[in-house]
Amino acid sequence: MKQSYRLQLISSTLLLMILVIPVYGSAGFAAAVNHPVFAQNNLTASAVVIPEQVSELGFLMSALAKEVPVKEGDTVEAGQTLIVLDAPDLEFAVIEAEAALHSAQAYADLQRYRRVENRRKGKIFYDVVPVEYRQRADAKVQQSQVALELAQINLAEGTLTAPFDGIVASLRVIPGELVQSDQAVVTLATLNALQVETTDLSERDIPKVRISAPVDIFVEALHENFDGEVVRISPKADSVGGDIVFKVTIAFDKQPKNLLWGMTAEVTIQQ
């Protein structure tokens, strides 16, 4: 009887070992291999490709476009002329201010060397003009110089120049066309220096993001993964569909080929 009971106990133990050990062992091994612990701490977010720099440029005045020496797709340098307005009144104002300055300067020079005739004790003396005359003449020169600088500034507002090196991404005016004040006529962007910007990174996750954190970037249109790093975290939140999100900007370690402004991506930020 005892021997039969012992055999049943051994059989039951062996059965439990067969049922439990393979399941526990294989599942635990798979979890260790396919789902490493650190991967659970990574953050995933949707993103869009944007230029490192982009500016919508326009004028503070209204006038006809006189010259448009660039076209869409052109690479330009900082300070290069993009559009010149036809502003003859401003050009005449500069010429008039220059003439007024030359006249004031000549009058001030005259006061420095001018002599006035004075009689003292029956004798004639030729004295320099009183200091007040010279001071007033010098003040007139300064006023004329300020007026010229103001006229030159106004004329410069009729010329649109590139604020940084970039590519003319959009051009919305042709010579002879009326340009309205505050109308965006040129979009300038650094299309040779593209980045990605997250669109749905929650406020709950943003405290976990750090500058220089490694990032895996999957660009959907290119079906390829690229390396990058976090370069900027927006200090201001945005509201998207009722959710509070923060934009995180990520730079590529190396600029991918065939990457275009507006492509979508998925980023995985390591903590």
Protein backbone atom coordinates (compact mmCIF):
# COMPACT_ATOMS: atom_id res chain seq x y z
CA MET A 1 0.00 0.00 0.00
CA LYS A 2 2.82 2.37 0.95
CA GLN A 3 4.72 1.49 -2.20
CA SER A 4 1.66 2.21 -4.37
CA TYR A 5 1.16 5.56 -2.66
CA ARG A 6 4.85 6.40 -3.20
CA LEU A 7 4.60 5.59 -6.91
CA GLN A 8 1.52 7.82 -7.29
CA LEU A 9 3.33 10.67 -5.55
CA ILE A 10 6.36 10.34 -7.85
CA SER A 11 4.15 10.22 -10.94
CA SER A 12 2.28 13.32 -9.85
CA THR A 13 5.55 15.20 -9.27
CA LEU A 14 6.93 14.25 -12.68
CA LEU A 15 3.70 15.38 -14.36
CA LEU A 16 3.86 18.76 -12.67
CA MET A 17 7.48 19.20 -13.77
CA ILE A 18 6.56 18.39 -17.38
CA LEU A 19 3.64 20.83 -17.38
CA VAL A 20 5.23 23.70 -15.49
CA ILE A 21 8.92 23.84 -16.38
CA PRO A 22 8.68 24.13 -20.22
CA VAL A 23 6.01 26.83 -20.08
CA TYR A 24 7.79 28.87 -17.46
CA GLY A 25 11.22 28.42 -19.01
CA SER A 26 10.35 29.20 -22.62
CA ALA A 27 8.18 32.18 -21.80
CA GLY A 28 10.74 33.63 -19.43
CA PHE A 29 13.54 33.20 -21.98
CA ALA A 30 11.51 34.81 -24.76
CA ALA A 31 10.69 37.77 -22.57
CA ALA A 32 14.34 38.23 -21.71
CA VAL A 33 15.44 38.13 -25.35
CA ASN A 34 12.68 40.01 -27.19
CA HIS A 35 11.70 42.59 -24.59
CA PRO A 36 14.72 43.96 -22.78
CA VAL A 37 13.93 45.98 -19.69
CA PHE A 38 15.43 49.28 -20.97
CA ALA A 39 13.25 49.22 -24.11
CA GLN A 40 10.16 49.68 -21.98
CA ASN A 41 11.47 53.10 -20.90
CA ASN A 42 11.75 54.49 -24.46
CA LEU A 43 9.27 57.08 -25.71
CA THR A 44 7.63 56.80 -29.12
CA ALA A 45 5.97 59.74 -30.90
CA SER A 46 4.83 60.87 -34.32
CA ALA A 47 6.86 63.59 -36.03
CA VAL A 48 7.16 65.67 -39.19
CA VAL A 49 10.21 66.77 -41.17
CA ILE A 50 10.91 70.53 -40.97
CA PRO A 51 13.79 72.86 -41.96
CA GLU A 52 16.24 73.93 -39.29
CA GLN A 53 15.37 77.53 -40.20
CA VAL A 54 12.37 78.92 -42.10
CA SER A 55 11.14 82.50 -42.56
CA GLU A 56 8.15 84.07 -44.28
CA LEU A 57 9.42 87.39 -45.67
CA GLY A 58 7.52 90.50 -46.71
CA PHE A 59 7.56 94.31 -46.81
CA LEU A 60 6.30 97.02 -44.46
CA MET A 61 5.19 99.14 -47.42
CA SER A 62 3.07 98.69 -50.54
CA ALA A 63 4.52 99.21 -54.02
CA LEU A 64 5.07 97.54 -57.37
CA ALA A 65 7.77 94.89 -57.61
CA LYS A 66 10.59 96.38 -59.70
CA GLU A 67 13.14 93.53 -59.66
CA VAL A 68 12.92 89.86 -58.66
CA PRO A 69 16.45 88.53 -59.28
CA VAL A 70 15.79 85.07 -57.77
CA LYS A 71 13.48 82.14 -58.50
CA GLU A 72 12.11 79.21 -56.54
CA GLY A 73 14.78 76.65 -55.75
CA ASP A 74 17.66 79.14 -55.83
CA THR A 75 20.29 78.91 -53.12
CA VAL A 76 20.98 82.35 -51.63
CA GLU A 77 23.38 83.80 -49.10
CA ALA A 78 22.61 86.06 -46.16
CA GLY A 79 22.27 89.66 -47.37
CA GLN A 80 21.53 88.71 -50.98
CA THR A 81 18.78 90.73 -52.69
CA LEU A 82 15.51 88.86 -53.22
CA ILE A 83 13.04 91.55 -54.35
CA VAL A 84 13.32 95.30 -55.05
CA LEU A 85 10.23 97.51 -55.02
CA ASP A 86 9.66 100.43 -57.37
CA ALA A 87 9.84 103.35 -54.93
CA PRO A 88 10.92 106.56 -56.75
CA ASP A 89 9.67 108.78 -53.92
CA LEU A 90 12.03 107.06 -51.50
CA GLU A 91 14.94 107.37 -53.93
CA PHE A 92 14.24 111.10 -54.39
CA ALA A 93 14.04 111.53 -50.59
CA VAL A 94 17.55 110.12 -50.25
CA ILE A 95 18.91 112.42 -52.98
CA GLU A 96 17.21 115.42 -51.35
CA ALA A 97 18.59 114.49 -47.90
CA GLU A 98 22.10 114.10 -49.32
CA ALA A 99 21.90 117.57 -50.87
CA ALA A 100 20.64 119.06 -47.58
CA LEU A 101 23.52 117.45 -45.69
CA HIS A 102 26.12 118.81 -48.13
CA SER A 103 24.60 122.28 -47.80
CA ALA A 104 24.59 122.14 -44.00
CA GLN A 105 28.18 120.89 -43.94
CA ALA A 106 29.33 123.70 -46.25
CA TYR A 107 27.58 126.29 -44.06
CA ALA A 108 29.20 124.83 -40.90
CA ASP A 109 32.63 124.98 -42.56
CA LEU A 110 31.97 128.59 -43.52
CA GLN A 111 31.17 129.52 -39.91
CA ARG A 112 34.49 128.08 -38.74
CA TYR A 113 36.49 130.36 -41.08
CA ARG A 114 34.14 133.30 -41.34
CA ARG A 115 35.24 136.66 -39.95
CA VAL A 116 33.07 139.57 -38.92
CA GLU A 117 34.12 143.21 -38.86
CA ASN A 118 34.14 144.90 -35.46
CA ARG A 119 35.26 148.45 -34.43
CA ARG A 120 36.92 148.89 -31.12
CA LYS A 121 38.48 152.21 -30.03
CA GLY A 122 38.38 153.53 -33.55
CA LYS A 123 40.10 150.52 -35.01
CA ILE A 124 38.70 147.75 -37.25
CA PHE A 125 39.09 144.17 -36.18
CA TYR A 126 38.09 141.00 -38.01
CA ASP A 127 36.93 138.49 -35.43
CA VAL A 128 35.69 134.94 -35.77
CA VAL A 129 31.94 134.53 -35.52
CA PRO A 130 30.54 133.93 -32.03
CA VAL A 131 30.62 130.32 -30.83
CA GLU A 132 26.82 130.18 -30.83
CA TYR A 133 26.81 130.54 -34.62
CA ARG A 134 29.18 127.60 -35.03
CA GLN A 135 27.17 125.47 -32.58
CA ARG A 136 23.94 126.13 -34.46
CA ALA A 137 25.63 125.25 -37.75
CA ASP A 138 27.00 122.00 -36.32
CA ALA A 139 23.55 121.13 -34.94
CA LYS A 140 22.12 121.65 -38.43
CA VAL A 141 24.69 119.18 -39.80
CA GLN A 142 23.69 116.58 -37.23
CA GLN A 143 20.00 117.03 -38.04
CA SER A 144 20.71 116.66 -41.74
CA GLN A 145 22.76 113.51 -41.10
CA VAL A 146 19.88 111.95 -39.13
CA ALA A 147 17.42 112.89 -41.89
CA LEU A 148 19.67 111.21 -44.49
CA GLU A 149 19.99 108.04 -42.40
CA LEU A 150 16.22 107.92 -41.99
CA ALA A 151 15.70 108.36 -45.74
CA GLN A 152 18.20 105.57 -46.42
CA ILE A 153 16.41 103.28 -43.96
CA ASN A 154 13.10 103.96 -45.68
CA LEU A 155 14.66 103.23 -49.06
CA ALA A 156 16.20 100.01 -47.71
CA GLU A 157 12.72 98.86 -46.69
CA GLY A 158 11.97 98.69 -50.40
CA THR A 159 14.62 96.00 -50.85
CA LEU A 160 14.08 92.51 -49.44
CA THR A 161 17.27 90.62 -48.56
CA ALA A 162 17.92 87.12 -47.26
CA PRO A 163 18.34 87.06 -43.44
CA PHE A 164 20.34 83.81 -43.59
CA ASP A 165 21.82 81.30 -46.03
CA GLY A 166 19.05 79.14 -47.45
CA ILE A 167 16.91 78.09 -50.39
CA VAL A 168 13.98 80.01 -51.88
CA ALA A 169 11.22 77.52 -51.12
CA SER A 170 8.38 79.74 -52.33
CA LEU A 171 8.14 82.95 -54.36
CA ARG A 172 4.77 84.68 -54.68
CA VAL A 173 5.43 87.81 -56.73
CA ILE A 174 6.61 88.74 -60.24
CA PRO A 175 8.02 92.03 -61.59
CA GLY A 176 5.31 94.65 -62.10
CA GLU A 177 2.95 93.05 -59.58
CA LEU A 178 1.63 95.05 -56.64
CA VAL A 179 3.04 93.96 -53.30
CA GLN A 180 0.90 94.76 -50.28
CA SER A 181 2.39 95.64 -46.90
CA ASP A 182 2.71 92.67 -44.50
CA GLN A 183 2.17 90.24 -47.42
CA ALA A 184 4.44 87.18 -47.24
CA VAL A 185 6.09 87.06 -50.67
CA VAL A 186 9.09 84.79 -50.08
CA THR A 187 9.57 81.64 -48.02
CA LEU A 188 13.23 81.05 -47.22
CA ALA A 189 14.29 77.75 -45.64
CA THR A 190 17.37 75.65 -44.95
CA LEU A 191 16.28 72.62 -46.98
CA ASN A 192 19.80 71.22 -46.81
CA ALA A 193 19.51 71.07 -43.00
CA LEU A 194 16.26 69.27 -42.21
CA GLN A 195 15.14 68.10 -38.78
CA VAL A 196 12.11 66.34 -37.33
CA GLU A 197 9.64 67.77 -34.84
CA THR A 198 7.28 65.69 -32.70
CA THR A 199 3.55 66.30 -33.00
CA ASP A 200 1.96 64.25 -30.21
CA LEU A 201 4.43 63.91 -27.33
CA SER A 202 2.29 64.11 -24.19
CA GLU A 203 2.93 66.41 -21.26
CA ARG A 204 3.17 63.26 -19.13
CA ASP A 205 6.21 62.11 -21.11
CA ILE A 206 8.04 65.39 -21.66
CA PRO A 207 9.79 65.33 -18.23
CA LYS A 208 11.51 62.11 -19.34
CA VAL A 209 13.09 63.74 -22.42
CA ARG A 210 16.57 65.21 -22.18
CA ILE A 211 18.73 67.24 -24.56
CA SER A 212 21.24 65.11 -26.55
CA ALA A 213 19.20 61.94 -25.92
CA PRO A 214 19.74 59.37 -28.74
CA VAL A 215 16.77 58.96 -31.07
CA ASP A 216 15.81 56.37 -33.67
CA ILE A 217 13.99 58.05 -36.57
CA PHE A 218 11.85 56.01 -38.96
CA VAL A 219 10.90 58.04 -42.05
CA GLU A 220 7.81 56.43 -43.51
CA ALA A 221 8.25 57.64 -47.09
CA LEU A 222 11.83 56.34 -47.24
CA HIS A 223 11.08 53.13 -45.28
CA GLU A 224 14.36 53.55 -43.45
CA ASN A 225 15.64 54.21 -39.94
CA PHE A 226 18.13 56.97 -39.12
CA ASP A 227 20.05 58.03 -36.02
CA GLY A 228 19.54 61.40 -34.40
CA GLU A 229 19.51 63.28 -31.12
CA VAL A 230 17.27 65.71 -29.25
CA VAL A 231 18.42 69.31 -29.83
CA ARG A 232 15.50 71.35 -28.50
CA ILE A 233 12.51 70.98 -26.19
CA SER A 234 9.77 73.58 -26.56
CA PRO A 235 9.17 75.55 -23.34
CA LYS A 236 5.56 76.14 -24.41
CA ALA A 237 2.81 73.55 -24.72
CA ASP A 238 0.38 73.13 -27.62
CA SER A 239 -3.13 71.72 -27.60
CA VAL A 240 -3.84 68.98 -30.14
CA GLY A 241 -7.30 67.41 -30.11
CA GLY A 242 -7.75 68.43 -26.50
CA ASP A 243 -4.43 66.88 -25.45
CA ILE A 244 -1.53 68.94 -24.13
CA VAL A 245 1.64 68.17 -26.07
CA PHE A 246 5.17 69.56 -26.30
CA LYS A 247 7.26 69.82 -29.46
CA VAL A 248 10.67 68.18 -29.36
CA THR A 249 13.12 68.92 -32.18
CA ILE A 250 15.48 66.17 -33.29
CA ALA A 251 18.52 66.57 -35.56
CA PHE A 252 19.80 63.83 -37.84
CA ASP A 253 23.32 62.59 -37.22
CA LYS A 254 23.66 62.61 -41.02
CA GLN A 255 21.28 64.27 -43.48
CA PRO A 256 19.39 61.47 -45.34
CA LYS A 257 19.16 61.55 -49.12
CA ASN A 258 15.77 62.22 -50.75
CA LEU A 259 14.41 63.67 -47.48
CA LEU A 260 11.76 66.35 -48.09
CA TRP A 261 10.07 69.00 -45.99
CA GLY A 262 6.74 67.70 -44.66
CA MET A 263 7.48 63.95 -44.68
CA THR A 264 6.14 62.08 -41.67
CA ALA A 265 8.20 60.03 -39.26
CA GLU A 266 8.04 58.00 -36.07
CA VAL A 267 10.69 58.65 -33.44
CA THR A 268 11.81 56.53 -30.51
CA ILE A 269 13.57 58.61 -27.85
CA GLN A 270 15.84 56.79 -25.45
CA GLN A 271 15.78 57.84 -21.82
